[in-house]
Amino acid sequence: HHRHKHNNSIVSGVVFLNANIDHDKITFCKENTKVFDLVGKPNLFTCEEIDLSVGKNYVVLFPSYLEHRVKKTVHDDTRISLSFNSFTRGILGNQSDLTELKIN
């Protein structure tokens, strides 16, 4: 899948029903908002992208605004995944602050 995010959702996720832990990964991407490059061992704060290895029966949850992608498989196994988004219902905010939002 190409690089994308899930608008109008709160938490997104992927259930990997079949995946090869040695080869399959989901890549999370940062928006290009940095002013300078940090030098050091690659980690969540010093790199543009970070790969998370996934295997059979792994569940990955992440904020829906986080851009991500999944590369094409490079092995003979069939990767099977089910992705989903979560939404909310009810009242958010409050009337006295003029921030009330009713979602049915």
C-alpha atoms as a PDB file:
ATOM      1  CA  HIS A   1       0.000   0.000   0.000  1.00  0.00           C
ATOM      2  CA  HIS A   2       1.161   3.500  -0.747  1.00  0.00           C
ATOM      3  CA  ARG A   3       1.898   6.058   1.987  1.00  0.00           C
ATOM      4  CA  HIS A   4      -1.391   7.240   3.506  1.00  0.00           C
ATOM      5  CA  LYS A   5      -3.291   8.122   6.683  1.00  0.00           C
ATOM      6  CA  HIS A   6      -6.890   7.670   7.804  1.00  0.00           C
ATOM      7  CA  ASN A   7      -8.786  10.939   8.121  1.00  0.00           C
ATOM      8  CA  ASN A   8     -11.984  11.119  10.184  1.00  0.00           C
ATOM      9  CA  SER A   9     -10.856   8.286  12.450  1.00  0.00           C
ATOM     10  CA  ILE A  10      -9.304   8.196  15.915  1.00  0.00           C
ATOM     11  CA  VAL A  11      -7.392   4.919  16.142  1.00  0.00           C
ATOM     12  CA  SER A  12      -6.550   2.699  13.192  1.00  0.00           C
ATOM     13  CA  GLY A  13      -5.172  -0.800  13.224  1.00  0.00           C
ATOM     14  CA  VAL A  14      -4.066  -3.820  11.270  1.00  0.00           C
ATOM     15  CA  VAL A  15      -4.509  -7.480  12.188  1.00  0.00           C
ATOM     16  CA  PHE A  16      -1.937  -9.625  10.400  1.00  0.00           C
ATOM     17  CA  LEU A  17      -3.641 -12.998   9.968  1.00  0.00           C
ATOM     18  CA  ASN A  18      -0.640 -14.337   8.107  1.00  0.00           C
ATOM     19  CA  ALA A  19       2.732 -12.590   7.847  1.00  0.00           C
ATOM     20  CA  ASN A  20       6.404 -13.533   7.736  1.00  0.00           C
ATOM     21  CA  ILE A  21       8.174 -11.986  10.757  1.00  0.00           C
ATOM     22  CA  ASP A  22      11.512 -12.109   8.924  1.00  0.00           C
ATOM     23  CA  HIS A  23      10.277 -10.101   5.925  1.00  0.00           C
ATOM     24  CA  ASP A  24       6.974  -8.302   6.520  1.00  0.00           C
ATOM     25  CA  LYS A  25       6.908  -4.819   8.008  1.00  0.00           C
ATOM     26  CA  ILE A  26       4.619  -1.843   8.365  1.00  0.00           C
ATOM     27  CA  THR A  27       6.421   1.462   7.904  1.00  0.00           C
ATOM     28  CA  PHE A  28       5.386   4.532   9.886  1.00  0.00           C
ATOM     29  CA  CYS A  29       6.321   7.915   8.436  1.00  0.00           C
ATOM     30  CA  LYS A  30       6.797  11.346   9.967  1.00  0.00           C
ATOM     31  CA  GLU A  31       5.602  14.503   8.317  1.00  0.00           C
ATOM     32  CA  ASN A  32       8.529  16.505   6.976  1.00  0.00           C
ATOM     33  CA  THR A  33       8.422  19.283   9.590  1.00  0.00           C
ATOM     34  CA  LYS A  34      11.938  19.157  10.963  1.00  0.00           C
ATOM     35  CA  VAL A  35      14.247  22.150  10.838  1.00  0.00           C
ATOM     36  CA  PHE A  36      17.515  20.200  11.095  1.00  0.00           C
ATOM     37  CA  ASP A  37      18.750  16.594  11.055  1.00  0.00           C
ATOM     38  CA  LEU A  38      19.506  14.926  14.369  1.00  0.00           C
ATOM     39  CA  VAL A  39      22.598  12.762  14.294  1.00  0.00           C
ATOM     40  CA  GLY A  40      22.863   9.491  16.136  1.00  0.00           C
ATOM     41  CA  LYS A  41      21.541   5.973  16.267  1.00  0.00           C
ATOM     42  CA  PRO A  42      18.284   5.746  14.250  1.00  0.00           C
ATOM     43  CA  ASN A  43      15.189   5.824  16.450  1.00  0.00           C
ATOM     44  CA  LEU A  44      11.661   7.217  16.426  1.00  0.00           C
ATOM     45  CA  PHE A  45      12.942  10.778  16.933  1.00  0.00           C
ATOM     46  CA  THR A  46      15.888  10.795  14.511  1.00  0.00           C
ATOM     47  CA  CYS A  47      14.473   9.212  11.362  1.00  0.00           C
ATOM     48  CA  GLU A  48      11.825  10.020   8.764  1.00  0.00           C
ATOM     49  CA  GLU A  49      10.492   6.464   8.728  1.00  0.00           C
ATOM     50  CA  ILE A  50      10.596   3.510  11.060  1.00  0.00           C
ATOM     51  CA  ASP A  51       9.792  -0.123  10.235  1.00  0.00           C
ATOM     52  CA  LEU A  52       7.892  -2.425  12.561  1.00  0.00           C
ATOM     53  CA  SER A  53       8.302  -6.137  11.853  1.00  0.00           C
ATOM     54  CA  VAL A  54       5.035  -8.062  11.930  1.00  0.00           C
ATOM     55  CA  GLY A  55       4.202 -11.741  12.122  1.00  0.00           C
ATOM     56  CA  LYS A  56       1.206 -14.044  12.139  1.00  0.00           C
ATOM     57  CA  ASN A  57      -1.550 -12.919  14.556  1.00  0.00           C
ATOM     58  CA  TYR A  58       0.113  -9.560  15.282  1.00  0.00           C
ATOM     59  CA  VAL A  59      -2.188  -6.612  15.970  1.00  0.00           C
ATOM     60  CA  VAL A  60      -0.847  -3.092  15.421  1.00  0.00           C
ATOM     61  CA  LEU A  61      -2.768  -0.041  16.710  1.00  0.00           C
ATOM     62  CA  PHE A  62      -1.763   3.534  15.890  1.00  0.00           C
ATOM     63  CA  PRO A  63      -3.227   7.053  15.787  1.00  0.00           C
ATOM     64  CA  SER A  64      -5.113   7.492  12.529  1.00  0.00           C
ATOM     65  CA  TYR A  65      -3.260  10.710  11.648  1.00  0.00           C
ATOM     66  CA  LEU A  66       0.055   8.814  11.460  1.00  0.00           C
ATOM     67  CA  GLU A  67       1.121   8.207   7.863  1.00  0.00           C
ATOM     68  CA  HIS A  68       2.120   4.640   7.069  1.00  0.00           C
ATOM     69  CA  ARG A  69       2.696   2.199   4.225  1.00  0.00           C
ATOM     70  CA  VAL A  70       3.312  -1.483   3.607  1.00  0.00           C
ATOM     71  CA  LYS A  71       5.836  -2.646   1.020  1.00  0.00           C
ATOM     72  CA  LYS A  72       5.229  -5.403  -1.494  1.00  0.00           C
ATOM     73  CA  THR A  73       6.063  -8.888  -0.215  1.00  0.00           C
ATOM     74  CA  VAL A  74       9.438 -10.288  -1.283  1.00  0.00           C
ATOM     75  CA  HIS A  75       8.813 -13.909  -0.287  1.00  0.00           C
ATOM     76  CA  ASP A  76       6.570 -16.771  -1.411  1.00  0.00           C
ATOM     77  CA  ASP A  77       4.237 -16.647   1.604  1.00  0.00           C
ATOM     78  CA  THR A  78       0.892 -14.908   1.277  1.00  0.00           C
ATOM     79  CA  ARG A  79       0.532 -11.973   3.636  1.00  0.00           C
ATOM     80  CA  ILE A  80      -3.058 -11.622   4.848  1.00  0.00           C
ATOM     81  CA  SER A  81      -4.092  -8.558   6.815  1.00  0.00           C
ATOM     82  CA  LEU A  82      -7.275  -6.864   7.902  1.00  0.00           C
ATOM     83  CA  SER A  83      -7.181  -3.126   8.537  1.00  0.00           C
ATOM     84  CA  PHE A  84      -9.748  -1.089  10.445  1.00  0.00           C
ATOM     85  CA  ASN A  85     -10.588   2.376  11.763  1.00  0.00           C
ATOM     86  CA  SER A  86     -12.390   3.395  14.940  1.00  0.00           C
ATOM     87  CA  PHE A  87     -14.856   6.201  15.407  1.00  0.00           C
ATOM     88  CA  THR A  88     -16.726   7.609  18.373  1.00  0.00           C
ATOM     89  CA  ARG A  89     -20.360   8.285  19.232  1.00  0.00           C
ATOM     90  CA  GLY A  90     -21.903  10.587  21.752  1.00  0.00           C
ATOM     91  CA  ILE A  91     -21.136  14.110  22.881  1.00  0.00           C
ATOM     92  CA  LEU A  92     -17.669  15.608  22.640  1.00  0.00           C
ATOM     93  CA  GLY A  93     -16.747  18.939  24.230  1.00  0.00           C
ATOM     94  CA  ASN A  94     -19.351  20.917  26.174  1.00  0.00           C
ATOM     95  CA  GLN A  95     -22.046  23.455  25.495  1.00  0.00           C
ATOM     96  CA  SER A  96     -20.764  26.135  27.900  1.00  0.00           C
ATOM     97  CA  ASP A  97     -17.417  26.368  26.047  1.00  0.00           C
ATOM     98  CA  LEU A  98     -19.194  26.298  22.674  1.00  0.00           C
ATOM     99  CA  THR A  99     -17.289  23.128  21.777  1.00  0.00           C
ATOM    100  CA  GLU A 100     -20.136  20.630  22.004  1.00  0.00           C
ATOM    101  CA  LEU A 101     -20.352  18.194  19.124  1.00  0.00           C
ATOM    102  CA  LYS A 102     -23.011  15.458  18.981  1.00  0.00           C
ATOM    103  CA  ILE A 103     -22.039  12.407  16.949  1.00  0.00           C
ATOM    104  CA  ASN A 104     -24.704   9.756  16.348  1.00  0.00           C
END
